[in-house]
């Protein structure tokens, strides 16, 4: 069984110190034995027990599990993640992963303990996993740099990542266990069936977008809609849907779909109230995730 160290994560308790994590990792290494190999007669259950002895936390998903089918490991609305170790730091510095643009996905896969297919993960839940990975690796405090909107002076502000809230959406439009939404287009009056993207669909969409860029073609909006729209007036043929998006979808309807998606998409709200010392007031700003989010030792 996984060992949980902070019962109220994300809360006020600080993550375990490097010394504590090192002690746990060392103890686990010696309990397995340095000469053990994959060919040893170690049962699967024993191996899983050894792996899951590393401290973990339960992270709440913005989707609350409502968009996953009944019985799916993530339908409970939570995911279990382990604290980052030296193994994950090796992933973060793997030049091959960085060049391929897969380094963060490799990191998240390594940290997730809940037995689930990573590609089933909804993109709307990925920000929560990213924030949790940063907290479990380098702590909850993240300093952002921005400019005062009144004086233009540079400001440094430390964000407590565990205090970020979920974005408010219209949950009445959701049905438990269904990633499916019906929306009538305001201009054409046609009804489209939409779904929120998973990691699998996002990867496919990214490949398609890169292929289009190679031939000097920019089609980010239409490519996204091709993956989000699952049916038009009940018609599910992919070729017909793509033809409609490319040749018949009005700009006013395209914009309405994007506005509707914001209304139904759960996510972490990355806006924070920043105090402006020069005026005594506060202003709202986005938490822009920079290179130092997972590479805090970089001089950026």
Protein backbone atom coordinates (compact mmCIF):
# COMPACT_ATOMS: atom_id res chain seq x y z
CA UNK A 1 0.00 0.00 0.00
CA UNK A 2 1.25 3.48 -0.83
CA UNK A 3 2.56 5.55 2.02
CA UNK A 4 0.97 8.99 2.27
CA UNK A 5 2.91 11.63 4.16
CA UNK A 6 0.66 14.68 4.00
CA UNK A 7 -2.96 13.75 4.71
CA UNK A 8 -4.24 17.18 3.70
CA UNK A 9 -2.29 17.65 0.45
CA UNK A 10 -2.40 20.23 -0.98
CA UNK A 11 -2.24 21.98 2.37
CA UNK A 12 0.03 23.85 4.71
CA UNK A 13 2.38 21.02 5.51
CA UNK A 14 5.74 21.34 3.78
CA UNK A 15 6.93 18.54 1.47
CA UNK A 16 9.44 16.13 2.94
CA UNK A 17 13.02 17.34 3.05
CA UNK A 18 15.67 16.04 0.67
CA UNK A 19 17.26 14.20 3.59
CA UNK A 20 14.01 12.40 4.46
CA UNK A 21 13.38 11.40 0.85
CA UNK A 22 16.96 10.19 0.48
CA UNK A 23 16.60 8.06 3.62
CA UNK A 24 13.39 6.47 2.31
CA UNK A 25 14.87 5.83 -1.12
CA UNK A 26 18.00 4.29 0.42
CA UNK A 27 15.93 2.06 2.70
CA UNK A 28 13.83 0.87 -0.24
CA UNK A 29 16.97 0.16 -2.26
CA UNK A 30 18.48 -1.97 0.48
CA UNK A 31 15.18 -3.77 1.16
CA UNK A 32 15.18 -4.88 -2.47
CA UNK A 33 18.84 -5.73 -2.42
CA UNK A 34 21.47 -4.27 -4.76
CA UNK A 35 22.00 -7.53 -6.61
CA UNK A 36 18.36 -8.08 -7.57
CA UNK A 37 17.68 -8.13 -11.32
CA UNK A 38 14.57 -8.41 -13.46
CA UNK A 39 15.37 -12.12 -13.87
CA UNK A 40 15.18 -12.87 -10.15
CA UNK A 41 12.21 -14.86 -8.90
CA UNK A 42 10.47 -11.91 -7.30
CA UNK A 43 6.69 -12.01 -7.43
CA UNK A 44 4.78 -9.19 -9.09
CA UNK A 45 3.02 -8.38 -5.83
CA UNK A 46 6.33 -8.09 -3.95
CA UNK A 47 7.76 -5.84 -6.66
CA UNK A 48 4.72 -3.53 -6.58
CA UNK A 49 4.92 -3.35 -2.79
CA UNK A 50 8.56 -2.30 -3.00
CA UNK A 51 7.82 0.35 -5.61
CA UNK A 52 4.86 1.84 -3.78
CA UNK A 53 6.71 2.16 -0.49
CA UNK A 54 7.96 5.52 -1.72
CA UNK A 55 5.87 8.39 -0.21
CA UNK A 56 2.87 9.46 -2.26
CA UNK A 57 0.07 12.00 -2.27
CA UNK A 58 -3.52 11.89 -3.49
CA UNK A 59 -4.15 14.69 -5.99
CA UNK A 60 -7.66 15.90 -6.83
CA UNK A 61 -8.45 16.16 -10.55
CA UNK A 62 -10.28 19.26 -11.87
CA UNK A 63 -12.65 16.96 -13.82
CA UNK A 64 -13.69 15.32 -10.52
CA UNK A 65 -13.64 12.08 -12.53
CA UNK A 66 -17.01 12.93 -14.13
CA UNK A 67 -15.68 12.71 -17.70
CA UNK A 68 -14.20 9.23 -17.35
CA UNK A 69 -16.38 6.15 -17.95
CA UNK A 70 -17.70 4.28 -14.93
CA UNK A 71 -15.08 1.90 -13.55
CA UNK A 72 -12.13 3.83 -14.98
CA UNK A 73 -9.29 4.25 -12.45
CA UNK A 74 -9.65 8.04 -12.66
CA UNK A 75 -13.46 8.13 -12.35
CA UNK A 76 -13.05 8.64 -8.59
CA UNK A 77 -11.72 12.12 -9.30
CA UNK A 78 -8.28 11.59 -7.80
CA UNK A 79 -4.88 10.32 -8.88
CA UNK A 80 -2.02 9.07 -6.72
CA UNK A 81 1.46 10.45 -7.37
CA UNK A 82 4.81 9.79 -5.74
CA UNK A 83 7.43 12.27 -4.64
CA UNK A 84 10.10 13.07 -7.19
CA UNK A 85 13.40 11.21 -6.77
CA UNK A 86 16.79 11.22 -8.47
CA UNK A 87 15.31 8.90 -11.11
CA UNK A 88 12.90 11.65 -12.19
CA UNK A 89 15.70 14.22 -12.22
CA UNK A 90 17.48 11.96 -14.69
CA UNK A 91 14.37 12.14 -16.87
CA UNK A 92 14.34 15.95 -16.68
CA UNK A 93 17.95 16.12 -17.91
CA UNK A 94 17.56 13.49 -20.64
CA UNK A 95 18.58 15.36 -23.80
CA UNK A 96 16.80 12.91 -26.10
CA UNK A 97 13.48 13.42 -24.29
CA UNK A 98 13.98 17.20 -24.36
CA UNK A 99 14.69 17.23 -28.12
CA UNK A 100 11.62 15.07 -28.79
CA UNK A 101 9.43 17.32 -26.65
CA UNK A 102 8.28 14.41 -24.48
CA UNK A 103 10.27 15.11 -21.31
CA UNK A 104 7.30 16.24 -19.18
CA UNK A 105 5.10 13.35 -20.31
CA UNK A 106 7.91 10.95 -19.38
CA UNK A 107 8.16 12.68 -16.00
CA UNK A 108 4.42 12.51 -15.30
CA UNK A 109 4.26 8.84 -16.30
CA UNK A 110 7.05 8.07 -13.85
CA UNK A 111 5.35 9.95 -10.99
CA UNK A 112 1.83 8.56 -11.42
CA UNK A 113 1.16 5.59 -9.14
CA UNK A 114 -2.51 5.00 -9.97
CA UNK A 115 -2.66 2.09 -12.45
CA UNK A 116 -4.10 3.80 -15.52
CA UNK A 117 -3.36 4.35 -19.19
CA UNK A 118 -1.56 7.70 -19.43
CA UNK A 119 -3.05 8.42 -22.86
CA UNK A 120 -6.56 8.26 -21.32
CA UNK A 121 -5.72 11.29 -19.19
CA UNK A 122 -7.84 14.31 -20.03
CA UNK A 123 -5.87 17.44 -20.91
CA UNK A 124 -8.05 19.39 -18.49
CA UNK A 125 -6.55 17.27 -15.67
CA UNK A 126 -2.96 17.60 -16.87
CA UNK A 127 -2.38 21.04 -15.32
CA UNK A 128 -3.24 19.62 -11.89
CA UNK A 129 -0.71 16.82 -12.43
CA UNK A 130 1.89 19.34 -13.57
CA UNK A 131 1.37 21.50 -10.47
CA UNK A 132 1.45 18.45 -8.19
CA UNK A 133 4.65 17.19 -9.85
CA UNK A 134 6.35 20.54 -9.18
CA UNK A 135 5.21 20.56 -5.53
CA UNK A 136 6.30 16.95 -4.97
CA UNK A 137 9.66 17.66 -6.58
CA UNK A 138 10.77 21.13 -5.56
CA UNK A 139 8.19 22.43 -3.10
CA UNK A 140 5.10 24.61 -3.20
CA UNK A 141 6.78 28.01 -3.58
CA UNK A 142 7.31 29.29 -7.12
CA UNK A 143 8.59 32.82 -7.77
CA UNK A 144 7.29 34.65 -10.80
CA UNK A 145 8.64 37.88 -12.26
CA UNK A 146 6.32 40.55 -13.68
CA UNK A 147 5.90 44.29 -14.03
CA UNK A 148 3.71 46.62 -12.01
CA UNK A 149 0.79 47.77 -14.19
CA UNK A 150 0.97 51.24 -12.59
CA UNK A 151 4.70 51.99 -12.38
CA UNK A 152 6.20 49.50 -14.83
CA UNK A 153 8.70 48.42 -12.18
CA UNK A 154 9.85 44.79 -11.96
CA UNK A 155 8.14 42.74 -9.25
CA UNK A 156 8.99 39.31 -7.87
CA UNK A 157 6.13 37.41 -6.27
CA UNK A 158 6.23 33.96 -4.70
CA UNK A 159 3.15 31.86 -5.49
CA UNK A 160 2.02 29.09 -3.13
CA UNK A 161 1.15 26.46 -5.75
CA UNK A 162 -0.98 24.49 -3.30
CA UNK A 163 -3.35 27.46 -2.97
CA UNK A 164 -4.28 27.64 -6.66
CA UNK A 165 -8.01 27.10 -7.12
CA UNK A 166 -10.02 25.29 -9.75
CA UNK A 167 -11.67 27.34 -12.48
CA UNK A 168 -15.42 27.83 -12.12
CA UNK A 169 -17.43 26.11 -14.87
CA UNK A 170 -21.04 25.11 -15.52
CA UNK A 171 -21.25 21.59 -14.04
CA UNK A 172 -24.95 21.36 -14.95
CA UNK A 173 -23.86 20.69 -18.54
CA UNK A 174 -21.91 17.58 -17.48
CA UNK A 175 -23.23 14.02 -17.22
CA UNK A 176 -21.39 11.56 -14.98
CA UNK A 177 -19.32 9.08 -16.95
CA UNK A 178 -19.75 10.86 -20.28
CA UNK A 179 -17.27 13.00 -22.15
CA UNK A 180 -19.93 14.21 -24.53
CA UNK A 181 -21.59 17.60 -24.98
CA UNK A 182 -24.27 18.72 -27.44
CA UNK A 183 -24.22 22.31 -28.64
CA UNK A 184 -26.38 24.13 -31.19
CA UNK A 185 -24.39 26.46 -33.42
CA UNK A 186 -25.86 29.98 -33.21
CA UNK A 187 -25.65 30.82 -36.94
CA UNK A 188 -26.14 27.56 -38.85
CA UNK A 189 -28.39 26.04 -36.15
CA UNK A 190 -26.70 22.69 -36.63
CA UNK A 191 -26.07 20.56 -33.53
CA UNK A 192 -22.51 19.44 -32.88
CA UNK A 193 -21.40 16.77 -30.43
CA UNK A 194 -18.19 17.75 -28.67
CA UNK A 195 -15.69 15.98 -26.41
CA UNK A 196 -12.78 17.24 -24.33
CA UNK A 197 -9.42 16.03 -25.56
CA UNK A 198 -7.36 13.29 -23.96
CA UNK A 199 -3.59 12.99 -23.99
CA UNK A 200 -3.87 10.50 -26.85
CA UNK A 201 -5.88 12.88 -29.04
CA UNK A 202 -3.64 15.79 -28.14
CA UNK A 203 -0.58 13.84 -29.30
CA UNK A 204 -2.29 12.96 -32.58
CA UNK A 205 -3.35 16.57 -33.08
CA UNK A 206 0.18 17.81 -32.39
CA UNK A 207 1.63 15.45 -35.01
CA UNK A 208 -0.93 16.61 -37.56
CA UNK A 209 -0.20 20.26 -36.79
CA UNK A 210 3.56 19.75 -37.17
CA UNK A 211 3.02 17.96 -40.48
CA UNK A 212 1.00 20.93 -41.76
CA UNK A 213 3.69 23.35 -40.60
CA UNK A 214 6.28 21.48 -42.66
CA UNK A 215 4.30 22.35 -45.77
CA UNK A 216 3.93 25.96 -44.60
CA UNK A 217 0.27 25.55 -43.74
CA UNK A 218 -1.21 27.00 -40.54
CA UNK A 219 -4.46 25.37 -39.46
CA UNK A 220 -4.37 25.28 -35.67
CA UNK A 221 -8.03 26.14 -35.09
CA UNK A 222 -9.52 23.81 -37.69
CA UNK A 223 -7.21 20.96 -36.65
CA UNK A 224 -8.33 21.32 -33.03
CA UNK A 225 -11.99 21.35 -34.05
CA UNK A 226 -11.52 18.17 -36.11
CA UNK A 227 -10.57 16.34 -32.92
CA UNK A 228 -13.14 17.99 -30.64
CA UNK A 229 -16.22 17.66 -32.88
CA UNK A 230 -17.43 14.06 -32.83
CA UNK A 231 -20.70 14.44 -34.74
CA UNK A 232 -22.76 16.98 -36.70
CA UNK A 233 -26.52 16.50 -36.49
CA UNK A 234 -25.80 12.91 -35.48
CA UNK A 235 -23.45 12.24 -38.43
CA UNK A 236 -20.26 10.64 -37.09
CA UNK A 237 -18.35 10.00 -40.33
CA UNK A 238 -14.90 11.55 -39.80
CA UNK A 239 -14.40 12.56 -43.42
CA UNK A 240 -17.75 14.35 -43.55
CA UNK A 241 -17.00 16.16 -40.29
CA UNK A 242 -13.60 17.29 -41.56
CA UNK A 243 -15.12 18.47 -44.83
CA UNK A 244 -17.74 20.49 -42.93
CA UNK A 245 -15.08 22.13 -40.73
CA UNK A 246 -12.84 23.00 -43.68
CA UNK A 247 -15.52 24.26 -46.06
CA UNK A 248 -18.75 25.14 -44.23
CA UNK A 249 -18.08 26.09 -40.61
CA UNK A 250 -18.75 29.80 -40.15
CA UNK A 251 -16.35 31.92 -38.09
CA UNK A 252 -19.17 32.96 -35.76
CA UNK A 253 -19.97 29.29 -35.07
CA UNK A 254 -16.29 28.41 -34.60
CA UNK A 255 -15.96 31.19 -32.03
CA UNK A 256 -19.12 30.04 -30.26
CA UNK A 257 -17.70 26.50 -29.94
CA UNK A 258 -14.51 27.85 -28.36
CA UNK A 259 -16.51 29.96 -25.90
CA UNK A 260 -18.66 26.96 -25.01
CA UNK A 261 -15.55 24.84 -24.41
CA UNK A 262 -14.31 27.38 -21.86
CA UNK A 263 -17.68 27.12 -20.14
CA UNK A 264 -17.45 23.32 -19.74
CA UNK A 265 -13.71 22.63 -19.40
CA UNK A 266 -12.47 22.04 -15.82
CA UNK A 267 -8.94 23.28 -15.11
CA UNK A 268 -6.66 24.89 -12.57
CA UNK A 269 -7.06 28.67 -12.39
CA UNK A 270 -3.53 30.00 -12.86
CA UNK A 271 -4.42 33.61 -12.04
CA UNK A 272 -3.22 35.06 -8.73
CA UNK A 273 -3.65 38.33 -6.84
CA UNK A 274 -0.27 40.08 -6.71
CA UNK A 275 0.38 42.90 -4.20
CA UNK A 276 1.79 46.10 -5.71
CA UNK A 277 3.98 47.64 -3.02
CA UNK A 278 4.15 50.99 -4.81
CA UNK A 279 0.38 51.54 -4.57
CA UNK A 280 -0.72 49.17 -1.81
CA UNK A 281 -3.26 47.62 -4.15
CA UNK A 282 -3.29 44.20 -5.79
CA UNK A 283 -3.61 43.20 -9.43
CA UNK A 284 -4.41 39.93 -11.16
CA UNK A 285 -1.76 38.09 -13.14
CA UNK A 286 -1.24 34.73 -14.78
CA UNK A 287 1.27 32.27 -13.36
CA UNK A 288 3.46 31.87 -16.42
CA UNK A 289 5.25 28.56 -16.19
CA UNK A 290 8.88 29.11 -17.19
CA UNK A 291 11.88 26.85 -17.64
CA UNK A 292 12.64 27.14 -13.93
CA UNK A 293 9.35 25.41 -13.06
CA UNK A 294 10.99 21.97 -13.36
CA UNK A 295 14.58 23.18 -13.79
CA UNK A 296 14.87 25.54 -10.80
CA UNK A 297 18.68 25.61 -10.92
CA UNK A 298 18.72 27.22 -14.38
CA UNK A 299 19.68 30.89 -14.46
CA UNK A 300 16.58 32.21 -16.23
